[in-house]
Amino acid sequence: MFTGLVRTVGWIRRQPQGVRIEADDRLGPLQLGDSVAVDGLCLTVARVLPDGFTADVSEETLSRSTLAAKAAGGGAVNLEPALRLSDRLGGHLVSGHVDATGEVIDVRSLARSWRLEIAWNAPGYGRYICEKGSIAVDGVSLTVAGAGHGGQSFWVAVIPHTWESTTLRQLTSGAAVNLEVDLLARYAERLLQARISDEADHNLNRDWLLEHGWG
C-alpha cells in the first residue's frame, strides 16, 4: 500500500527478465521482496543493486500501463516505497494496481499551479471520478478539480512542489499516463451492489422495508 507521495524520481530500463530501476538514496534502503511504486505500479524488488533494484513484470502489468513503452526507451519514473503502519497518510490510499492508462489532453500553466486535463483510454472508469475526490496519476496523489461529461475526462491542479518533485513536469499533450481510481470509491460501489442485490433477493416492497426499519 502507498500514499501517492513520491519519494524521488528514478530511471527505468528494460531487461530480459524485467526492469532495472536506478534511484538515489532518497528512496531509502531496500531489501529483497520489498514493494516499490514505480509510476504508480507496485513492483517487487527481485535484486538490490548499489544504485537501485531490479523487478519482474507480469503481462497483466505491461498490458494495463505505460511501463513497457517507457522501459523500452529508458525514462524517468516516480518512486515511492511501501507505506509503513507508523507513517503519516499525507496523500490517499493507493494500492499500486493501475486501472488503465489515460492521455494528457492539455497542460496549462496558471498563476500558482499547473492544470492537467486527462482523458481515460478505457471506458467505464468515469463513474469513480468526482470533484474533490482522489486519483493517482503516474503514482502521484492528486485531487480532482473537475470532470468532463460522464467523467471520461478530468482535470487536476498541481502545486509547484509536486510539479518540481515528480515527472509530471515532463508531461505534454498526447502523453500517456498510468491512472488508479480511489480505492475507497471502488469498495463503496461493490458494497452498494451487494446491498441492492440482497434487497432484490428479498422481493423489495413496502412490507419488507417496514420490517427492516425503513418505515
Protein backbone atom coordinates (compact mmCIF):
# COMPACT_ATOMS: atom_id res chain seq x y z
CA MET A 1 0.00 0.00 0.00
CA PHE A 2 1.18 3.52 -0.82
CA THR A 3 0.15 7.14 -0.30
CA GLY A 4 0.86 8.70 -3.69
CA LEU A 5 3.53 10.96 -2.20
CA VAL A 6 6.54 10.46 -4.45
CA ARG A 7 9.82 10.00 -2.58
CA THR A 8 12.17 10.51 -5.52
CA VAL A 9 12.44 10.28 -9.32
CA GLY A 10 14.45 7.41 -10.81
CA TRP A 11 15.23 5.95 -14.23
CA ILE A 12 13.83 2.75 -15.73
CA ARG A 13 15.38 0.41 -18.32
CA ARG A 14 14.06 -2.83 -19.80
CA GLN A 15 15.96 -6.05 -19.11
CA PRO A 16 15.39 -9.60 -20.46
CA GLN A 17 13.79 -10.72 -17.17
CA GLY A 18 12.03 -7.49 -16.22
CA VAL A 19 13.14 -3.95 -15.50
CA ARG A 20 16.03 -2.18 -13.81
CA ILE A 21 15.32 0.91 -11.73
CA GLU A 22 18.09 3.38 -10.94
CA ALA A 23 17.43 5.54 -7.89
CA ASP A 24 19.21 7.79 -5.40
CA ASP A 25 19.42 7.47 -1.61
CA ARG A 26 16.10 9.27 -1.08
CA LEU A 27 14.25 6.06 -1.95
CA GLY A 28 15.68 4.59 1.26
CA PRO A 29 17.29 1.22 2.00
CA LEU A 30 15.72 -1.72 0.17
CA GLN A 31 15.57 -5.42 0.85
CA LEU A 32 14.72 -8.38 -1.34
CA GLY A 33 10.93 -8.67 -1.62
CA ASP A 34 10.17 -5.03 -0.76
CA SER A 35 7.39 -3.29 -2.65
CA VAL A 36 8.07 -0.06 -4.55
CA ALA A 37 5.61 2.00 -6.56
CA VAL A 38 7.11 2.77 -9.98
CA ASP A 39 4.97 5.36 -11.79
CA GLY A 40 2.10 4.06 -9.68
CA LEU A 41 2.77 0.36 -10.28
CA CYS A 42 3.52 -1.87 -7.31
CA LEU A 43 6.68 -3.82 -8.19
CA THR A 44 8.57 -6.31 -6.01
CA VAL A 45 12.31 -5.93 -5.56
CA ALA A 46 13.92 -9.01 -7.13
CA ARG A 47 17.50 -7.88 -6.66
CA VAL A 48 19.02 -4.99 -4.74
CA LEU A 49 21.68 -3.01 -6.63
CA PRO A 50 24.10 -0.32 -5.42
CA ASP A 51 22.16 2.27 -7.41
CA GLY A 52 18.64 0.82 -7.32
CA PHE A 53 16.97 -2.54 -7.91
CA THR A 54 15.54 -4.93 -10.48
CA ALA A 55 11.96 -6.18 -10.63
CA ASP A 56 10.00 -8.79 -12.56
CA VAL A 57 6.98 -7.56 -14.52
CA SER A 58 3.90 -9.60 -15.45
CA GLU A 59 1.98 -9.47 -18.72
CA GLU A 60 -1.00 -8.01 -16.82
CA THR A 61 1.10 -5.09 -15.60
CA LEU A 62 2.51 -4.42 -19.05
CA SER A 63 -0.93 -4.52 -20.72
CA ARG A 64 -2.53 -2.04 -18.31
CA SER A 65 0.25 0.51 -18.01
CA THR A 66 2.83 2.66 -19.75
CA LEU A 67 5.68 0.61 -18.29
CA ALA A 68 6.59 -1.32 -21.44
CA ALA A 69 6.91 1.77 -23.62
CA LYS A 70 8.80 3.77 -21.02
CA ALA A 71 11.22 0.97 -20.11
CA ALA A 72 11.95 0.15 -23.75
CA GLY A 73 13.45 3.55 -24.40
CA GLY A 74 14.52 4.37 -20.85
CA GLY A 75 12.71 7.11 -18.98
CA ALA A 76 12.17 8.91 -15.70
CA VAL A 77 9.73 7.34 -13.20
CA ASN A 78 8.16 8.37 -9.91
CA LEU A 79 9.25 6.18 -7.00
CA GLU A 80 7.65 5.58 -3.59
CA PRO A 81 8.49 2.86 -1.05
CA ALA A 82 5.63 0.94 0.55
CA LEU A 83 3.73 2.59 3.38
CA ARG A 84 4.61 1.65 6.96
CA LEU A 85 1.81 1.45 9.53
CA SER A 86 3.56 4.18 11.52
CA ASP A 87 3.77 6.58 8.53
CA ARG A 88 1.56 9.61 8.04
CA LEU A 89 -1.06 9.26 5.32
CA GLY A 90 -0.42 12.56 3.58
CA GLY A 91 -1.95 11.62 0.23
CA HIS A 92 -4.60 8.92 -0.14
CA LEU A 93 -4.60 5.12 -0.07
CA VAL A 94 -3.00 3.89 -3.31
CA SER A 95 -2.80 0.15 -3.99
CA GLY A 96 -0.27 0.30 -6.83
CA HIS A 97 -2.66 -1.65 -9.08
CA VAL A 98 -3.13 0.60 -12.10
CA ASP A 99 -6.64 0.50 -13.58
CA ALA A 100 -5.85 1.81 -17.05
CA THR A 101 -3.89 4.44 -18.92
CA GLY A 102 -5.00 7.92 -19.81
CA GLU A 103 -3.98 10.57 -22.32
CA VAL A 104 -3.00 14.10 -21.41
CA ILE A 105 -5.32 16.47 -23.26
CA ASP A 106 -3.99 19.78 -22.03
CA VAL A 107 -1.21 21.19 -19.84
CA ARG A 108 -1.71 24.75 -18.71
CA SER A 109 0.45 26.97 -16.50
CA LEU A 110 -1.56 29.14 -14.11
CA ALA A 111 -0.53 31.79 -11.59
CA ARG A 112 0.27 29.41 -8.71
CA SER A 113 -0.25 25.94 -10.16
CA TRP A 114 -0.45 23.83 -13.30
CA ARG A 115 -3.68 22.46 -14.73
CA LEU A 116 -3.58 18.96 -16.22
CA GLU A 117 -6.54 17.62 -18.17
CA ILE A 118 -6.57 13.88 -18.78
CA ALA A 119 -8.91 11.51 -20.64
CA TRP A 120 -9.32 7.81 -19.88
CA ASN A 121 -8.17 5.40 -22.59
CA ALA A 122 -10.54 2.73 -21.24
CA PRO A 123 -14.30 3.18 -20.77
CA GLY A 124 -16.14 2.65 -17.52
CA TYR A 125 -13.93 4.45 -15.02
CA GLY A 126 -15.65 7.82 -15.21
CA ARG A 127 -18.11 6.74 -12.53
CA TYR A 128 -15.29 6.80 -9.97
CA ILE A 129 -14.38 10.42 -10.74
CA CYS A 130 -15.91 13.22 -8.69
CA GLU A 131 -14.91 16.75 -7.84
CA LYS A 132 -12.59 16.87 -4.79
CA GLY A 133 -12.11 13.12 -5.00
CA SER A 134 -8.67 11.50 -5.21
CA ILE A 135 -6.85 9.91 -8.13
CA ALA A 136 -3.30 8.69 -8.73
CA VAL A 137 -1.60 9.88 -11.92
CA ASP A 138 1.71 8.08 -12.56
CA GLY A 139 1.70 7.29 -8.85
CA VAL A 140 1.14 10.88 -7.72
CA SER A 141 -1.79 11.50 -5.37
CA LEU A 142 -3.88 14.33 -6.82
CA THR A 143 -7.27 15.89 -6.13
CA VAL A 144 -9.83 16.02 -8.92
CA ALA A 145 -10.63 19.69 -9.58
CA GLY A 146 -13.35 18.95 -12.14
CA ALA A 147 -14.67 16.31 -14.51
CA GLY A 148 -15.98 16.36 -18.07
CA HIS A 149 -19.28 14.88 -19.19
CA GLY A 150 -19.61 11.37 -17.75
CA GLY A 151 -16.24 11.69 -16.05
CA GLN A 152 -14.43 10.34 -19.11
CA SER A 153 -12.05 13.26 -18.77
CA PHE A 154 -11.00 15.18 -15.68
CA TRP A 155 -8.56 17.86 -14.62
CA VAL A 156 -6.31 18.36 -11.61
CA ALA A 157 -4.35 21.28 -10.15
CA VAL A 158 -0.68 20.56 -9.46
CA ILE A 159 1.11 22.74 -6.90
CA PRO A 160 4.74 23.87 -7.52
CA HIS A 161 6.29 21.39 -5.04
CA THR A 162 4.61 18.40 -6.70
CA TRP A 163 5.38 19.76 -10.16
CA GLU A 164 9.09 20.10 -9.44
CA SER A 165 9.45 16.87 -7.43
CA THR A 166 7.83 14.43 -9.90
CA THR A 167 7.77 13.53 -13.58
CA LEU A 168 4.50 15.45 -14.06
CA ARG A 169 6.53 18.45 -15.21
CA GLN A 170 7.61 16.42 -18.25
CA LEU A 171 4.06 15.78 -19.46
CA THR A 172 2.82 17.30 -22.70
CA SER A 173 -0.39 16.94 -24.69
CA GLY A 174 -0.73 13.40 -26.03
CA ALA A 175 1.44 11.80 -23.32
CA ALA A 176 0.24 8.53 -21.78
CA VAL A 177 -0.09 8.21 -18.01
CA ASN A 178 -0.99 5.47 -15.53
CA LEU A 179 -4.26 6.01 -13.65
CA GLU A 180 -5.61 4.42 -10.47
CA VAL A 181 -9.01 5.41 -9.09
CA ASP A 182 -9.72 5.99 -5.42
CA LEU A 183 -9.70 2.62 -3.64
CA LEU A 184 -12.50 3.69 -1.28
CA ALA A 185 -14.77 4.57 -4.21
CA ARG A 186 -14.30 1.10 -5.66
CA TYR A 187 -15.23 -0.63 -2.38
CA ALA A 188 -18.20 1.68 -1.80
CA GLU A 189 -19.55 0.70 -5.22
CA ARG A 190 -19.08 -3.01 -4.50
CA LEU A 191 -20.88 -2.77 -1.16
CA LEU A 192 -23.81 -0.90 -2.73
CA GLN A 193 -24.07 -3.50 -5.49
CA ALA A 194 -24.19 -6.28 -2.90
CA ARG A 195 -26.87 -4.43 -0.89
CA ILE A 196 -29.04 -3.85 -3.94
CA SER A 197 -28.69 -7.50 -4.94
CA ASP A 198 -29.59 -8.61 -1.44
CA GLU A 199 -32.69 -6.42 -1.38
CA ALA A 200 -33.76 -7.75 -4.78
CA ASP A 201 -33.46 -11.31 -3.48
CA HIS A 202 -35.84 -10.39 -0.66
CA ASN A 203 -38.59 -9.15 -3.03
CA LEU A 204 -38.21 -5.49 -2.09
CA ASN A 205 -41.62 -3.99 -1.25
CA ARG A 206 -43.31 -1.79 1.38
CA ASP A 207 -43.76 -4.63 3.87
CA TRP A 208 -40.09 -5.65 3.58
CA LEU A 209 -38.95 -2.05 4.09
CA LEU A 210 -41.12 -1.65 7.21
CA GLU A 211 -39.88 -4.94 8.59
CA HIS A 212 -36.25 -3.86 8.23
CA GLY A 213 -36.68 -0.46 9.80
CA TRP A 214 -37.08 1.73 6.70
CA GLY A 215 -40.54 2.99 7.65
